[in-house]
Amino acid sequence: MNPKELIQLVNRHPSLRSALVGKIKVAADHTLFELDASYEAELLKQLRLARFKGNPVRIKRVT
């Protein structure tokens, strides 16, 4: 997943469209990104069942 695809995934959900995404770090097997903390619960809720290129999206909070 590249940064553009990540933003598109987040923007598929109307309740997340105004969320501010910060730094994005793409690795071969995962992607890390910063998100406005006020959207954390909504992001976890909305992306829980999301799919990317046919694969389920696994999302968790990293501190």
PDB file of N, CA and C in Angstrom:
ATOM      1  N   MET A   1       0.847  -1.166   0.000  1.00  0.00           N
ATOM      2  CA  MET A   1       0.000   0.000   0.000  1.00  0.00           C
ATOM      3  C   MET A   1       0.893   1.230   0.000  1.00  0.00           C
ATOM      4  N   ASN A   2       0.629   2.111  -0.915  1.00  0.00           N
ATOM      5  CA  ASN A   2       1.400   3.352  -0.952  1.00  0.00           C
ATOM      6  C   ASN A   2       0.584   4.462  -0.273  1.00  0.00           C
ATOM      7  N   PRO A   3       1.201   5.617  -0.011  1.00  0.00           N
ATOM      8  CA  PRO A   3       0.483   6.684   0.689  1.00  0.00           C
ATOM      9  C   PRO A   3      -0.825   7.108   0.015  1.00  0.00           C
ATOM     10  N   LYS A   4      -0.830   7.177  -1.302  1.00  0.00           N
ATOM     11  CA  LYS A   4      -2.053   7.577  -2.013  1.00  0.00           C
ATOM     12  C   LYS A   4      -3.165   6.562  -1.766  1.00  0.00           C
ATOM     13  N   GLU A   5      -2.839   5.288  -1.812  1.00  0.00           N
ATOM     14  CA  GLU A   5      -3.834   4.238  -1.582  1.00  0.00           C
ATOM     15  C   GLU A   5      -4.357   4.276  -0.146  1.00  0.00           C
ATOM     16  N   LEU A   6      -3.490   4.595   0.798  1.00  0.00           N
ATOM     17  CA  LEU A   6      -3.913   4.713   2.192  1.00  0.00           C
ATOM     18  C   LEU A   6      -4.934   5.835   2.342  1.00  0.00           C
ATOM     19  N   ILE A   7      -4.631   6.980   1.769  1.00  0.00           N
ATOM     20  CA  ILE A   7      -5.558   8.122   1.846  1.00  0.00           C
ATOM     21  C   ILE A   7      -6.879   7.761   1.188  1.00  0.00           C
ATOM     22  N   GLN A   8      -6.841   7.081   0.063  1.00  0.00           N
ATOM     23  CA  GLN A   8      -8.075   6.663  -0.610  1.00  0.00           C
ATOM     24  C   GLN A   8      -8.881   5.711   0.266  1.00  0.00           C
ATOM     25  N   LEU A   9      -8.213   4.786   0.937  1.00  0.00           N
ATOM     26  CA  LEU A   9      -8.886   3.841   1.834  1.00  0.00           C
ATOM     27  C   LEU A   9      -9.593   4.594   2.965  1.00  0.00           C
ATOM     28  N   VAL A  10      -8.913   5.532   3.574  1.00  0.00           N
ATOM     29  CA  VAL A  10      -9.507   6.325   4.655  1.00  0.00           C
ATOM     30  C   VAL A  10     -10.678   7.145   4.115  1.00  0.00           C
ATOM     31  N   ASN A  11     -10.520   7.748   2.956  1.00  0.00           N
ATOM     32  CA  ASN A  11     -11.550   8.623   2.403  1.00  0.00           C
ATOM     33  C   ASN A  11     -12.774   7.885   1.875  1.00  0.00           C
ATOM     34  N   ARG A  12     -12.734   6.573   1.775  1.00  0.00           N
ATOM     35  CA  ARG A  12     -13.931   5.811   1.387  1.00  0.00           C
ATOM     36  C   ARG A  12     -15.038   5.954   2.424  1.00  0.00           C
ATOM     37  N   HIS A  13     -14.662   6.352   3.622  1.00  0.00           N
ATOM     38  CA  HIS A  13     -15.603   6.446   4.733  1.00  0.00           C
ATOM     39  C   HIS A  13     -15.887   7.921   5.012  1.00  0.00           C
ATOM     40  N   PRO A  14     -17.114   8.367   4.722  1.00  0.00           N
ATOM     41  CA  PRO A  14     -17.442   9.787   4.882  1.00  0.00           C
ATOM     42  C   PRO A  14     -17.097  10.372   6.246  1.00  0.00           C
ATOM     43  N   SER A  15     -17.232   9.588   7.302  1.00  0.00           N
ATOM     44  CA  SER A  15     -16.967  10.103   8.646  1.00  0.00           C
ATOM     45  C   SER A  15     -15.479  10.343   8.897  1.00  0.00           C
ATOM     46  N   LEU A  16     -14.610   9.867   7.993  1.00  0.00           N
ATOM     47  CA  LEU A  16     -13.165  10.033   8.164  1.00  0.00           C
ATOM     48  C   LEU A  16     -12.560  11.032   7.187  1.00  0.00           C
ATOM     49  N   ARG A  17     -13.347  11.566   6.278  1.00  0.00           N
ATOM     50  CA  ARG A  17     -12.798  12.423   5.216  1.00  0.00           C
ATOM     51  C   ARG A  17     -12.103  13.672   5.719  1.00  0.00           C
ATOM     52  N   SER A  18     -12.497  14.165   6.876  1.00  0.00           N
ATOM     53  CA  SER A  18     -11.843  15.370   7.382  1.00  0.00           C
ATOM     54  C   SER A  18     -10.724  15.049   8.375  1.00  0.00           C
ATOM     55  N   ALA A  19     -10.430  13.765   8.569  1.00  0.00           N
ATOM     56  CA  ALA A  19      -9.344  13.371   9.472  1.00  0.00           C
ATOM     57  C   ALA A  19      -7.997  13.776   8.875  1.00  0.00           C
ATOM     58  N   LEU A  20      -7.137  14.311   9.696  1.00  0.00           N
ATOM     59  CA  LEU A  20      -5.814  14.714   9.235  1.00  0.00           C
ATOM     60  C   LEU A  20      -4.841  13.546   9.393  1.00  0.00           C
ATOM     61  N   VAL A  21      -4.271  13.126   8.278  1.00  0.00           N
ATOM     62  CA  VAL A  21      -3.286  12.050   8.282  1.00  0.00           C
ATOM     63  C   VAL A  21      -1.913  12.696   8.270  1.00  0.00           C
ATOM     64  N   GLY A  22      -1.051  12.253   9.175  1.00  0.00           N
ATOM     65  CA  GLY A  22       0.297  12.815   9.268  1.00  0.00           C
ATOM     66  C   GLY A  22       1.303  11.970   8.513  1.00  0.00           C
ATOM     67  N   LYS A  23       2.405  11.688   9.163  1.00  0.00           N
ATOM     68  CA  LYS A  23       3.476  10.907   8.538  1.00  0.00           C
ATOM     69  C   LYS A  23       2.987   9.515   8.174  1.00  0.00           C
ATOM     70  N   ILE A  24       3.452   9.030   7.023  1.00  0.00           N
ATOM     71  CA  ILE A  24       3.114   7.691   6.550  1.00  0.00           C
ATOM     72  C   ILE A  24       4.422   6.962   6.290  1.00  0.00           C
ATOM     73  N   LYS A  25       4.536   5.745   6.842  1.00  0.00           N
ATOM     74  CA  LYS A  25       5.726   4.929   6.643  1.00  0.00           C
ATOM     75  C   LYS A  25       5.288   3.597   6.035  1.00  0.00           C
ATOM     76  N   VAL A  26       5.751   3.336   4.818  1.00  0.00           N
ATOM     77  CA  VAL A  26       5.372   2.127   4.101  1.00  0.00           C
ATOM     78  C   VAL A  26       6.507   1.116   4.178  1.00  0.00           C
ATOM     79  N   ALA A  27       6.172  -0.096   4.597  1.00  0.00           N
ATOM     80  CA  ALA A  27       7.125  -1.214   4.633  1.00  0.00           C
ATOM     81  C   ALA A  27       6.553  -2.330   3.759  1.00  0.00           C
ATOM     82  N   ALA A  28       7.328  -3.369   3.545  1.00  0.00           N
ATOM     83  CA  ALA A  28       6.898  -4.461   2.673  1.00  0.00           C
ATOM     84  C   ALA A  28       5.653  -5.176   3.201  1.00  0.00           C
ATOM     85  N   ASP A  29       5.537  -5.296   4.523  1.00  0.00           N
ATOM     86  CA  ASP A  29       4.428  -6.064   5.071  1.00  0.00           C
ATOM     87  C   ASP A  29       3.459  -5.272   5.945  1.00  0.00           C
ATOM     88  N   HIS A  30       3.660  -3.978   6.058  1.00  0.00           N
ATOM     89  CA  HIS A  30       2.739  -3.150   6.831  1.00  0.00           C
ATOM     90  C   HIS A  30       2.945  -1.674   6.495  1.00  0.00           C
ATOM     91  N   THR A  31       1.988  -0.878   6.907  1.00  0.00           N
ATOM     92  CA  THR A  31       2.058   0.569   6.740  1.00  0.00           C
ATOM     93  C   THR A  31       1.687   1.215   8.065  1.00  0.00           C
ATOM     94  N   LEU A  32       2.485   2.171   8.497  1.00  0.00           N
ATOM     95  CA  LEU A  32       2.201   2.937   9.708  1.00  0.00           C
ATOM     96  C   LEU A  32       1.846   4.360   9.306  1.00  0.00           C
ATOM     97  N   PHE A  33       0.911   4.955  10.032  1.00  0.00           N
ATOM     98  CA  PHE A  33       0.580   6.352   9.745  1.00  0.00           C
ATOM     99  C   PHE A  33       0.048   7.033  10.986  1.00  0.00           C
ATOM    100  N   GLU A  34       0.211   8.337  10.994  1.00  0.00           N
ATOM    101  CA  GLU A  34      -0.298   9.160  12.084  1.00  0.00           C
ATOM    102  C   GLU A  34      -1.673   9.670  11.695  1.00  0.00           C
ATOM    103  N   LEU A  35      -2.543   9.764  12.697  1.00  0.00           N
ATOM    104  CA  LEU A  35      -3.895  10.249  12.469  1.00  0.00           C
ATOM    105  C   LEU A  35      -4.300  11.108  13.647  1.00  0.00           C
ATOM    106  N   ASP A  36      -5.057  12.137  13.372  1.00  0.00           N
ATOM    107  CA  ASP A  36      -5.600  12.986  14.423  1.00  0.00           C
ATOM    108  C   ASP A  36      -6.267  12.086  15.472  1.00  0.00           C
ATOM    109  N   ALA A  37      -5.849  12.199  16.718  1.00  0.00           N
ATOM    110  CA  ALA A  37      -6.320  11.316  17.791  1.00  0.00           C
ATOM    111  C   ALA A  37      -7.836  11.332  17.964  1.00  0.00           C
ATOM    112  N   SER A  38      -8.482  12.422  17.627  1.00  0.00           N
ATOM    113  CA  SER A  38      -9.935  12.491  17.798  1.00  0.00           C
ATOM    114  C   SER A  38     -10.674  11.559  16.836  1.00  0.00           C
ATOM    115  N   TYR A  39      -9.994  11.014  15.845  1.00  0.00           N
ATOM    116  CA  TYR A  39     -10.610  10.096  14.879  1.00  0.00           C
ATOM    117  C   TYR A  39     -10.250   8.634  15.144  1.00  0.00           C
ATOM    118  N   GLU A  40      -9.490   8.369  16.176  1.00  0.00           N
ATOM    119  CA  GLU A  40      -9.012   7.012  16.422  1.00  0.00           C
ATOM    120  C   GLU A  40     -10.143   5.984  16.504  1.00  0.00           C
ATOM    121  N   ALA A  41     -11.121   6.218  17.361  1.00  0.00           N
ATOM    122  CA  ALA A  41     -12.211   5.254  17.540  1.00  0.00           C
ATOM    123  C   ALA A  41     -12.981   5.047  16.242  1.00  0.00           C
ATOM    124  N   GLU A  42     -13.244   6.121  15.534  1.00  0.00           N
ATOM    125  CA  GLU A  42     -13.985   6.023  14.270  1.00  0.00           C
ATOM    126  C   GLU A  42     -13.183   5.264  13.216  1.00  0.00           C
ATOM    127  N   LEU A  43     -11.892   5.511  13.151  1.00  0.00           N
ATOM    128  CA  LEU A  43     -11.037   4.804  12.197  1.00  0.00           C
ATOM    129  C   LEU A  43     -11.047   3.308  12.491  1.00  0.00           C
ATOM    130  N   LEU A  44     -10.871   2.942  13.747  1.00  0.00           N
ATOM    131  CA  LEU A  44     -10.872   1.528  14.119  1.00  0.00           C
ATOM    132  C   LEU A  44     -12.218   0.885  13.773  1.00  0.00           C
ATOM    133  N   LYS A  45     -13.293   1.602  14.014  1.00  0.00           N
ATOM    134  CA  LYS A  45     -14.630   1.095  13.701  1.00  0.00           C
ATOM    135  C   LYS A  45     -14.825   0.923  12.199  1.00  0.00           C
ATOM    136  N   GLN A  46     -14.485   1.946  11.429  1.00  0.00           N
ATOM    137  CA  GLN A  46     -14.751   1.933   9.992  1.00  0.00           C
ATOM    138  C   GLN A  46     -13.855   0.972   9.214  1.00  0.00           C
ATOM    139  N   LEU A  47     -12.614   0.839   9.615  1.00  0.00           N
ATOM    140  CA  LEU A  47     -11.684   0.003   8.850  1.00  0.00           C
ATOM    141  C   LEU A  47     -11.626  -1.443   9.355  1.00  0.00           C
ATOM    142  N   ARG A  48     -12.381  -1.742  10.390  1.00  0.00           N
ATOM    143  CA  ARG A  48     -12.398  -3.098  10.953  1.00  0.00           C
ATOM    144  C   ARG A  48     -12.755  -4.144   9.900  1.00  0.00           C
ATOM    145  N   LEU A  49     -13.677  -3.818   9.007  1.00  0.00           N
ATOM    146  CA  LEU A  49     -14.115  -4.760   7.974  1.00  0.00           C
ATOM    147  C   LEU A  49     -13.636  -4.372   6.575  1.00  0.00           C
ATOM    148  N   ALA A  50     -12.755  -3.399   6.490  1.00  0.00           N
ATOM    149  CA  ALA A  50     -12.281  -2.923   5.183  1.00  0.00           C
ATOM    150  C   ALA A  50     -11.415  -3.966   4.494  1.00  0.00           C
ATOM    151  N   ARG A  51     -11.359  -3.841   3.177  1.00  0.00           N
ATOM    152  CA  ARG A  51     -10.514  -4.721   2.367  1.00  0.00           C
ATOM    153  C   ARG A  51      -9.671  -3.844   1.458  1.00  0.00           C
ATOM    154  N   PHE A  52      -8.467  -4.314   1.164  1.00  0.00           N
ATOM    155  CA  PHE A  52      -7.562  -3.615   0.256  1.00  0.00           C
ATOM    156  C   PHE A  52      -7.045  -4.629  -0.750  1.00  0.00           C
ATOM    157  N   LYS A  53      -7.346  -4.395  -2.013  1.00  0.00           N
ATOM    158  CA  LYS A  53      -6.964  -5.312  -3.089  1.00  0.00           C
ATOM    159  C   LYS A  53      -7.387  -6.744  -2.774  1.00  0.00           C
ATOM    160  N   GLY A  54      -8.608  -6.865  -2.229  1.00  0.00           N
ATOM    161  CA  GLY A  54      -9.174  -8.178  -1.932  1.00  0.00           C
ATOM    162  C   GLY A  54      -8.761  -8.779  -0.604  1.00  0.00           C
ATOM    163  N   ASN A  55      -7.857  -8.142   0.098  1.00  0.00           N
ATOM    164  CA  ASN A  55      -7.365  -8.669   1.377  1.00  0.00           C
ATOM    165  C   ASN A  55      -7.931  -7.855   2.539  1.00  0.00           C
ATOM    166  N   PRO A  56      -8.225  -8.525   3.655  1.00  0.00           N
ATOM    167  CA  PRO A  56      -8.714  -7.772   4.810  1.00  0.00           C
ATOM    168  C   PRO A  56      -7.642  -6.828   5.343  1.00  0.00           C
ATOM    169  N   VAL A  57      -8.097  -5.689   5.819  1.00  0.00           N
ATOM    170  CA  VAL A  57      -7.197  -4.707   6.436  1.00  0.00           C
ATOM    171  C   VAL A  57      -7.146  -5.013   7.921  1.00  0.00           C
ATOM    172  N   ARG A  58      -5.955  -5.172   8.444  1.00  0.00           N
ATOM    173  CA  ARG A  58      -5.779  -5.346   9.892  1.00  0.00           C
ATOM    174  C   ARG A  58      -5.257  -4.035  10.408  1.00  0.00           C
ATOM    175  N   ILE A  59      -5.936  -3.525  11.411  1.00  0.00           N
ATOM    176  CA  ILE A  59      -5.556  -2.217  11.943  1.00  0.00           C
ATOM    177  C   ILE A  59      -5.464  -2.301  13.461  1.00  0.00           C
ATOM    178  N   LYS A  60      -4.454  -1.634  13.992  1.00  0.00           N
ATOM    179  CA  LYS A  60      -4.306  -1.576  15.440  1.00  0.00           C
ATOM    180  C   LYS A  60      -3.599  -0.278  15.805  1.00  0.00           C
ATOM    181  N   ARG A  61      -3.792   0.106  17.044  1.00  0.00           N
ATOM    182  CA  ARG A  61      -3.179   1.332  17.570  1.00  0.00           C
ATOM    183  C   ARG A  61      -1.761   1.007  18.015  1.00  0.00           C
ATOM    184  N   VAL A  62      -0.825   1.831  17.601  1.00  0.00           N
ATOM    185  CA  VAL A  62       0.569   1.694  18.013  1.00  0.00           C
ATOM    186  C   VAL A  62       0.956   2.982  18.719  1.00  0.00           C
ATOM    187  N   THR A  63       1.579   2.843  19.880  1.00  0.00           N
ATOM    188  CA  THR A  63       1.969   4.054  20.622  1.00  0.00           C
ATOM    189  C   THR A  63       3.456   4.258  20.571  1.00  0.00           C
TER     190      THR A  63
END
